Amino acid sequence: ILFFALSPVILIGSWWETRSANRKQVAVDSARYRSALRDLRRQLEYARSLEQLGRRREHPSVVEVIEAVEDRSSLVWTRRPEHAAFGQVRLGLGTRPSRNTVEMPSTNRTLPGLWEELTDTVARFTTVAGVPVTADVGECGNVGVGGPESVAEPVVRGLLAQFAALHSPTELSLAALAPADRWDWRKWLPHADGERLADNAAEAAQLVTWLEALIDDRTAARTNDDDPRPLPTMLVLVHDEAAVDRSRIVQIAERGPSVGVHVAWYAASVERLPAACRTFVDVDANTGRGRAGFVQGGLAVEDLAVEPAGLAATTRLARGLSPLVDSGAFVDTAAELPRSVAFVDLVGPDVADSADAVAERWHQTGALRTGRDQRGVAGLRAV
């Protein structure tokens, strides 16, 4: 009788003891869970820092590109047609989807509050800030920059600096329909032929006619859509107010990308850019920052830190590239004679560094007279 009378008390005590034990176990498990979550957060932060560093190395800044040319570093002309980065340039720094992913549990077997902490932690690392936002002319066809000239033109100079420094002139050629007074430095680039730098109506019409013929020839030579794009890739710089029929340039922008002819177009606003510029940068004159738009993916990157290049810096880059030759380029021995030959290549490098070498060569050819003529002046005759 006493046992039956105490049964409810025993049951209540057992329930209370189990409840207390469960609470303690939940507290212990929750502490372990949050500790593992903190560890996961540290791992993701470290992985994000490595990703930022790696992505910046993949696409160096304009400053790094200019320094590479000045130092003759191994970065110069490293992007080849067989590389995925060929034809890519860095528009600036912004926030992009992270390449790192976290595999979530297939089922939620934890408390709702703890599960929410996990999802919030993972969500914080789905994007990564301060990484290159890039344009690939092989995919988008053409790139445009919109904004007042005071802010847009330096951005375009930065893009051209990247194209020239990272791509060999045997695989990338440059043409321009832009004012000579602000783009005179382009003439130093080995990628640019003087005949393809137009700054007046007559030269612009001639260049556009040549580009149209190039596109027609390359299109006719293609047998199917799977054929690789012909080389060299042709990049045409276009100022929106170029002295030529706008419709003809727009047609070049529309038809050219499929055969390796691309346009880098800049205008006073993005509304002035042709629809063929499917990747563009809108530069804000007030903040100096930009917005990158990707028409093909329907995406935009806000608060873009653009990377302008000064005129003096790009001039140094162009002159630094001017004497360089791609030693790995194929040379056709049956090709026509070169348009020009450097004097040093003919007589040897010593004459460029030593006055004695010049005098010795004069003695060898009899060009230097040791005596004096009737006027008492040492004579020289032409070599």
Protein backbone atom coordinates (compact mmCIF):
# COMPACT_ATOMS: atom_id res chain seq x y z
CA ILE A 1 0.00 0.00 0.00
CA LEU A 2 2.84 2.38 0.87
CA PHE A 3 4.56 1.66 -2.48
CA PHE A 4 1.42 2.47 -4.43
CA ALA A 5 0.92 5.61 -2.38
CA LEU A 6 4.44 6.84 -3.20
CA SER A 7 4.32 5.95 -6.91
CA PRO A 8 3.19 9.43 -8.04
CA VAL A 9 5.98 11.00 -6.02
CA ILE A 10 8.52 8.63 -7.55
CA LEU A 11 7.26 9.37 -11.06
CA ILE A 12 7.40 13.12 -10.51
CA GLY A 13 10.92 12.86 -9.10
CA SER A 14 12.08 10.73 -12.04
CA TRP A 15 10.55 13.22 -14.51
CA TRP A 16 12.21 16.14 -12.78
CA GLU A 17 15.59 14.43 -12.71
CA THR A 18 15.35 13.53 -16.41
CA ARG A 19 14.28 17.07 -17.27
CA SER A 20 17.21 18.55 -15.38
CA ALA A 21 19.63 16.13 -17.02
CA ASN A 22 18.28 16.98 -20.48
CA ARG A 23 18.63 20.69 -19.80
CA LYS A 24 22.22 20.21 -18.75
CA GLN A 25 22.93 18.09 -21.84
CA VAL A 26 21.32 20.69 -24.13
CA ALA A 27 23.47 23.39 -22.53
CA VAL A 28 26.61 21.28 -23.00
CA ASP A 29 25.71 20.40 -26.59
CA SER A 30 24.84 24.03 -27.38
CA ALA A 31 28.20 25.18 -26.02
CA ARG A 32 29.99 22.61 -28.19
CA TYR A 33 27.90 23.64 -31.19
CA ARG A 34 28.73 27.32 -30.76
CA SER A 35 32.39 26.53 -30.28
CA ALA A 36 32.39 24.58 -33.55
CA LEU A 37 30.54 27.50 -35.16
CA ARG A 38 33.23 29.95 -34.01
CA ASP A 39 35.86 27.64 -35.44
CA LEU A 40 33.98 27.48 -38.73
CA ARG A 41 33.79 31.30 -38.78
CA ARG A 42 37.57 31.56 -38.29
CA GLN A 43 38.17 29.09 -41.10
CA LEU A 44 35.86 30.99 -43.44
CA GLU A 45 37.53 34.31 -42.61
CA TYR A 46 40.94 32.82 -43.35
CA ALA A 47 39.66 31.27 -46.59
CA ARG A 48 38.18 34.62 -47.60
CA SER A 49 41.50 36.41 -47.07
CA LEU A 50 43.26 33.79 -49.22
CA GLU A 51 40.59 34.15 -51.90
CA GLN A 52 40.98 37.92 -51.96
CA LEU A 53 44.74 37.59 -52.36
CA GLY A 54 44.45 34.89 -55.03
CA ARG A 55 41.88 36.75 -57.11
CA ARG A 56 43.92 39.96 -57.00
CA ARG A 57 46.94 38.05 -58.23
CA GLU A 58 44.91 36.59 -61.10
CA HIS A 59 43.99 40.09 -62.25
CA PRO A 60 46.67 42.62 -61.23
CA SER A 61 45.84 46.29 -60.80
CA VAL A 62 46.69 49.01 -63.30
CA VAL A 63 49.47 50.22 -60.99
CA GLU A 64 50.95 46.72 -60.82
CA VAL A 65 50.76 46.37 -64.59
CA ILE A 66 52.59 49.66 -65.17
CA GLU A 67 55.24 48.72 -62.61
CA ALA A 68 55.66 45.34 -64.31
CA VAL A 69 56.46 47.05 -67.60
CA GLU A 70 58.92 49.42 -65.96
CA ASP A 71 60.63 46.49 -64.18
CA ARG A 72 60.45 44.19 -67.23
CA SER A 73 58.91 41.56 -64.95
CA SER A 74 57.56 38.19 -66.01
CA LEU A 75 54.01 39.54 -65.86
CA VAL A 76 54.39 41.34 -69.19
CA TRP A 77 52.58 39.63 -72.10
CA THR A 78 51.69 36.57 -70.02
CA ARG A 79 48.12 36.15 -71.32
CA ARG A 80 48.09 33.86 -74.29
CA PRO A 81 45.18 32.69 -76.45
CA GLU A 82 45.19 29.27 -74.81
CA HIS A 83 44.68 30.82 -71.37
CA ALA A 84 41.25 31.48 -69.89
CA ALA A 85 42.37 35.01 -68.93
CA PHE A 86 43.15 36.01 -72.53
CA GLY A 87 41.10 39.09 -73.39
CA GLN A 88 40.21 39.80 -69.77
CA VAL A 89 40.77 43.12 -68.01
CA ARG A 90 40.11 44.34 -64.50
CA LEU A 91 37.38 46.99 -64.31
CA GLY A 92 38.01 47.69 -60.64
CA LEU A 93 37.44 46.22 -57.19
CA GLY A 94 34.02 45.26 -55.91
CA THR A 95 31.95 42.59 -54.19
CA ARG A 96 31.51 39.29 -56.01
CA PRO A 97 30.15 35.82 -55.17
CA SER A 98 32.66 33.81 -53.20
CA ARG A 99 34.32 30.78 -54.73
CA ASN A 100 34.25 29.06 -51.33
CA THR A 101 31.16 27.07 -50.39
CA VAL A 102 29.92 25.44 -47.20
CA GLU A 103 28.12 22.12 -47.48
CA MET A 104 25.13 22.36 -45.17
CA PRO A 105 23.62 19.32 -43.42
CA SER A 106 20.95 17.63 -45.50
CA THR A 107 18.47 17.74 -42.59
CA ASN A 108 17.96 20.08 -39.66
CA ARG A 109 18.30 18.05 -36.47
CA THR A 110 19.13 20.88 -34.10
CA LEU A 111 17.24 23.54 -32.25
CA PRO A 112 15.74 26.29 -34.41
CA GLY A 113 17.87 28.98 -32.77
CA LEU A 114 21.11 27.07 -33.35
CA TRP A 115 20.19 26.32 -36.96
CA GLU A 116 19.55 30.02 -37.55
CA GLU A 117 22.98 30.86 -36.16
CA LEU A 118 24.55 28.45 -38.66
CA THR A 119 22.65 29.82 -41.66
CA ASP A 120 23.47 33.42 -40.65
CA THR A 121 27.17 32.57 -40.36
CA VAL A 122 27.27 30.88 -43.76
CA ALA A 123 25.32 33.74 -45.37
CA ARG A 124 27.98 36.24 -44.25
CA PHE A 125 30.56 34.49 -46.44
CA THR A 126 28.60 33.93 -49.63
CA THR A 127 30.19 37.09 -51.10
CA VAL A 128 33.69 38.51 -50.91
CA ALA A 129 34.49 42.22 -51.07
CA GLY A 130 37.54 43.92 -52.54
CA VAL A 131 38.14 41.49 -55.40
CA PRO A 132 38.61 42.23 -59.11
CA VAL A 133 35.52 42.75 -61.24
CA THR A 134 36.53 41.74 -64.74
CA ALA A 135 35.40 42.06 -68.33
CA ASP A 136 36.10 39.34 -70.88
CA VAL A 137 35.81 40.60 -74.46
CA GLY A 138 35.78 36.98 -75.63
CA GLU A 139 32.41 36.57 -73.89
CA CYS A 140 30.85 40.03 -73.81
CA GLY A 141 32.16 41.11 -77.21
CA ASN A 142 32.78 44.76 -76.36
CA VAL A 143 33.29 46.91 -73.29
CA GLY A 144 32.02 50.44 -72.70
CA VAL A 145 32.75 53.24 -70.24
CA GLY A 146 30.25 56.01 -69.59
CA GLY A 147 30.77 59.26 -67.72
CA PRO A 148 32.22 62.75 -68.09
CA GLU A 149 35.58 62.71 -69.88
CA SER A 150 37.40 63.91 -66.78
CA VAL A 151 36.60 60.61 -65.03
CA ALA A 152 35.82 58.22 -67.90
CA GLU A 153 38.92 58.79 -70.00
CA PRO A 154 41.40 57.81 -67.24
CA VAL A 155 39.42 54.60 -66.71
CA VAL A 156 39.66 53.80 -70.42
CA ARG A 157 43.41 54.49 -70.31
CA GLY A 158 43.66 51.98 -67.47
CA LEU A 159 41.86 49.34 -69.54
CA LEU A 160 44.12 49.92 -72.55
CA ALA A 161 47.20 49.76 -70.33
CA GLN A 162 46.11 46.31 -69.17
CA PHE A 163 45.41 45.08 -72.68
CA ALA A 164 48.80 46.27 -73.92
CA ALA A 165 50.88 45.12 -70.96
CA LEU A 166 49.32 41.68 -70.57
CA HIS A 167 48.87 40.68 -74.23
CA SER A 168 51.60 40.25 -76.83
CA PRO A 169 51.41 42.46 -79.95
CA THR A 170 51.54 39.28 -82.04
CA GLU A 171 48.19 38.26 -80.53
CA LEU A 172 46.51 41.59 -79.87
CA SER A 173 46.48 44.65 -82.12
CA LEU A 174 45.15 48.09 -81.26
CA ALA A 175 43.37 50.64 -83.42
CA ALA A 176 41.84 53.92 -82.35
CA LEU A 177 39.22 56.42 -83.36
CA ALA A 178 40.05 59.04 -80.75
CA PRO A 179 41.57 62.53 -80.43
CA ALA A 180 45.32 62.56 -80.94
CA ASP A 181 45.96 65.30 -78.39
CA ARG A 182 44.93 63.04 -75.50
CA TRP A 183 45.87 59.69 -77.02
CA ASP A 184 49.20 60.52 -78.58
CA TRP A 185 50.93 58.05 -76.25
CA ARG A 186 49.28 55.13 -78.08
CA LYS A 187 51.74 55.56 -81.00
CA TRP A 188 54.53 54.13 -78.84
CA LEU A 189 52.74 50.83 -78.28
CA PRO A 190 54.08 47.92 -80.37
CA HIS A 191 50.45 46.80 -80.68
CA ALA A 192 49.54 49.91 -82.67
CA ASP A 193 50.25 50.54 -86.32
CA GLY A 194 50.44 54.24 -87.17
CA GLU A 195 47.99 53.72 -90.03
CA ARG A 196 45.37 52.47 -87.57
CA LEU A 197 45.40 55.54 -85.31
CA ALA A 198 42.81 57.96 -86.68
CA ASP A 199 41.95 61.35 -85.25
CA ASN A 200 40.37 63.18 -88.20
CA ALA A 201 37.53 62.49 -90.60
CA ALA A 202 39.67 61.28 -93.50
CA GLU A 203 41.77 58.93 -91.37
CA ALA A 204 38.69 57.69 -89.49
CA ALA A 205 36.84 56.84 -92.71
CA GLN A 206 39.89 54.99 -94.02
CA LEU A 207 40.28 53.03 -90.77
CA VAL A 208 36.60 52.07 -90.62
CA THR A 209 36.74 50.86 -94.23
CA TRP A 210 39.78 48.75 -93.37
CA LEU A 211 38.04 47.28 -90.30
CA GLU A 212 34.93 46.43 -92.34
CA ALA A 213 37.10 44.64 -94.90
CA LEU A 214 38.93 42.77 -92.14
CA ILE A 215 35.64 41.54 -90.66
CA ASP A 216 34.37 40.50 -94.10
CA ASP A 217 37.57 38.57 -94.86
CA ARG A 218 37.62 36.81 -91.51
CA THR A 219 33.93 35.97 -91.75
CA ALA A 220 34.36 34.50 -95.22
CA ALA A 221 37.31 32.39 -94.02
CA ARG A 222 35.30 30.74 -91.24
CA THR A 223 33.90 27.33 -92.10
CA ASN A 224 31.77 26.86 -88.97
CA ASP A 225 30.96 28.56 -85.68
CA ASP A 226 33.30 26.25 -83.74
CA ASP A 227 36.40 27.56 -85.48
CA PRO A 228 38.75 29.41 -83.11
CA ARG A 229 38.75 33.18 -83.45
CA PRO A 230 41.50 34.39 -85.75
CA LEU A 231 44.58 36.15 -84.42
CA PRO A 232 45.63 38.75 -83.74
CA THR A 233 42.62 39.91 -81.78
CA MET A 234 41.82 43.47 -82.85
CA LEU A 235 40.78 45.96 -80.16
CA VAL A 236 39.41 49.29 -81.41
CA LEU A 237 39.28 52.28 -79.08
CA VAL A 238 36.28 54.44 -79.98
CA HIS A 239 35.53 57.93 -78.76
CA ASP A 240 31.81 58.56 -78.94
CA GLU A 241 32.35 61.78 -80.90
CA ALA A 242 34.70 60.24 -83.47
CA ALA A 243 34.48 61.97 -86.85
CA VAL A 244 32.88 59.07 -88.70
CA ASP A 245 29.42 57.68 -89.40
CA ARG A 246 28.27 56.24 -86.06
CA SER A 247 26.19 53.49 -87.67
CA ARG A 248 29.29 52.05 -89.35
CA ILE A 249 31.14 51.78 -86.03
CA VAL A 250 28.10 50.22 -84.37
CA GLN A 251 28.02 47.58 -87.11
CA ILE A 252 31.69 46.84 -86.45
CA ALA A 253 30.84 46.40 -82.77
CA GLU A 254 27.96 44.06 -83.65
CA ARG A 255 29.69 41.94 -86.31
CA GLY A 256 33.28 42.01 -85.13
CA PRO A 257 33.41 39.95 -81.90
CA SER A 258 32.67 36.64 -83.63
CA VAL A 259 35.85 37.06 -85.70
CA GLY A 260 38.06 38.63 -83.06
CA VAL A 261 37.38 42.35 -83.61
CA HIS A 262 36.27 44.11 -80.44
CA VAL A 263 35.48 47.66 -79.37
CA ALA A 264 36.32 49.64 -76.24
CA TRP A 265 33.87 52.56 -76.46
CA TYR A 266 33.68 55.53 -74.13
CA ALA A 267 31.01 58.22 -74.04
CA ALA A 268 29.68 61.02 -71.86
CA SER A 269 27.05 58.66 -70.39
CA VAL A 270 26.13 54.98 -70.53
CA GLU A 271 23.01 55.92 -72.49
CA ARG A 272 25.29 56.94 -75.34
CA LEU A 273 26.98 53.52 -75.46
CA PRO A 274 25.78 51.11 -78.16
CA ALA A 275 23.88 48.00 -77.11
CA ALA A 276 26.80 45.92 -78.41
CA CYS A 277 28.78 46.98 -75.30
CA ARG A 278 27.32 44.22 -73.17
CA THR A 279 29.73 44.91 -70.33
CA PHE A 280 30.05 48.52 -69.23
CA VAL A 281 31.19 50.81 -66.43
CA ASP A 282 29.19 53.85 -65.37
CA VAL A 283 31.55 56.29 -63.63
CA ASP A 284 30.14 58.84 -61.19
CA ALA A 285 31.84 62.22 -61.55
CA ASN A 286 30.96 63.20 -57.97
CA THR A 287 32.33 60.14 -56.15
CA GLY A 288 34.85 58.85 -58.68
CA ARG A 289 33.42 55.37 -58.17
CA GLY A 290 31.47 53.32 -60.65
CA ARG A 291 28.87 50.67 -61.36
CA ALA A 292 29.67 47.70 -63.56
CA GLY A 293 26.89 46.23 -65.64
CA PHE A 294 26.80 42.80 -67.27
CA VAL A 295 23.95 42.65 -69.75
CA GLN A 296 24.35 38.96 -70.57
CA GLY A 297 23.89 37.85 -66.97
CA GLY A 298 21.57 40.67 -65.95
CA LEU A 299 23.98 41.53 -63.14
CA ALA A 300 25.40 44.74 -61.72
CA VAL A 301 28.21 45.45 -59.28
CA GLU A 302 27.56 48.60 -57.28
CA ASP A 303 30.14 50.82 -55.58
CA LEU A 304 32.93 49.72 -57.90
CA ALA A 305 36.38 51.11 -57.08
CA VAL A 306 37.54 51.96 -60.60
CA GLU A 307 41.24 52.14 -61.45
CA PRO A 308 42.09 55.19 -63.55
CA ALA A 309 45.49 55.68 -65.15
CA GLY A 310 47.17 59.05 -65.57
CA LEU A 311 48.43 60.27 -68.91
CA ALA A 312 52.04 60.38 -67.71
CA ALA A 313 51.84 56.82 -66.38
CA THR A 314 50.41 55.37 -69.59
CA THR A 315 53.00 57.26 -71.62
CA ARG A 316 55.73 55.62 -69.55
CA LEU A 317 54.08 52.25 -70.09
CA ALA A 318 53.84 52.74 -73.85
CA ARG A 319 57.45 53.86 -74.16
CA GLY A 320 58.54 51.01 -71.93
CA LEU A 321 56.81 48.50 -74.21
CA SER A 322 57.99 50.17 -77.43
CA PRO A 323 61.38 48.41 -77.75
CA LEU A 324 60.14 44.99 -76.61
CA VAL A 325 59.83 42.07 -79.00
CA ASP A 326 57.94 38.84 -78.38
CA SER A 327 60.76 36.33 -78.81
CA GLY A 328 58.27 33.46 -78.81
CA ALA A 329 56.34 34.76 -81.78
CA PHE A 330 56.38 32.79 -85.00
CA VAL A 331 58.49 34.46 -87.68
CA ASP A 332 57.56 33.83 -91.30
CA THR A 333 60.87 33.87 -93.19
CA ALA A 334 59.00 34.27 -96.45
CA ALA A 335 57.31 37.45 -95.27
CA GLU A 336 57.96 40.80 -96.88
CA LEU A 337 60.81 43.02 -95.75
CA PRO A 338 60.21 44.97 -92.54
CA ARG A 339 59.12 48.58 -92.83
CA SER A 340 62.04 49.72 -90.69
CA VAL A 341 65.22 48.35 -89.15
CA ALA A 342 66.93 49.75 -86.08
CA PHE A 343 70.43 51.07 -86.74
CA VAL A 344 71.75 49.29 -83.65
CA ASP A 345 70.51 45.97 -85.04
CA LEU A 346 72.66 46.53 -88.12
CA VAL A 347 75.91 47.72 -86.56
CA GLY A 348 75.76 46.02 -83.16
CA PRO A 349 74.90 47.19 -79.64
CA ASP A 350 78.39 48.48 -78.79
CA VAL A 351 77.91 51.73 -80.69
CA ALA A 352 74.95 52.60 -78.46
CA ASP A 353 77.00 52.42 -75.28
CA SER A 354 80.59 53.34 -76.14
CA ALA A 355 82.06 56.38 -77.89
CA ASP A 356 85.28 54.40 -78.46
CA ALA A 357 83.30 51.80 -80.41
CA VAL A 358 81.92 54.56 -82.65
CA ALA A 359 85.39 56.02 -83.23
CA GLU A 360 86.81 52.57 -83.96
CA ARG A 361 84.10 51.94 -86.52
CA TRP A 362 84.86 55.31 -88.15
CA HIS A 363 88.55 54.33 -88.38
CA GLN A 364 87.62 50.98 -89.94
CA THR A 365 85.51 52.62 -92.65
CA GLY A 366 87.90 55.51 -93.19
CA ALA A 367 85.25 57.97 -92.18
CA LEU A 368 87.48 59.73 -89.65
CA ARG A 369 90.26 61.94 -90.98
CA THR A 370 93.12 62.37 -88.58
CA GLY A 371 94.53 65.44 -90.31
CA ARG A 372 93.05 68.92 -90.76
CA ASP A 373 91.68 70.45 -93.91
CA GLN A 374 92.68 73.85 -95.25
CA ARG A 375 90.33 75.55 -92.76
CA GLY A 376 92.08 73.83 -89.85
CA VAL A 377 89.10 71.73 -88.83
CA ALA A 378 89.23 67.96 -88.41
CA GLY A 379 87.13 66.42 -91.18
CA LEU A 380 84.48 63.73 -91.24
CA ARG A 381 82.95 62.17 -94.26
CA ALA A 382 79.66 60.29 -94.42
CA VAL A 383 79.69 56.59 -93.71
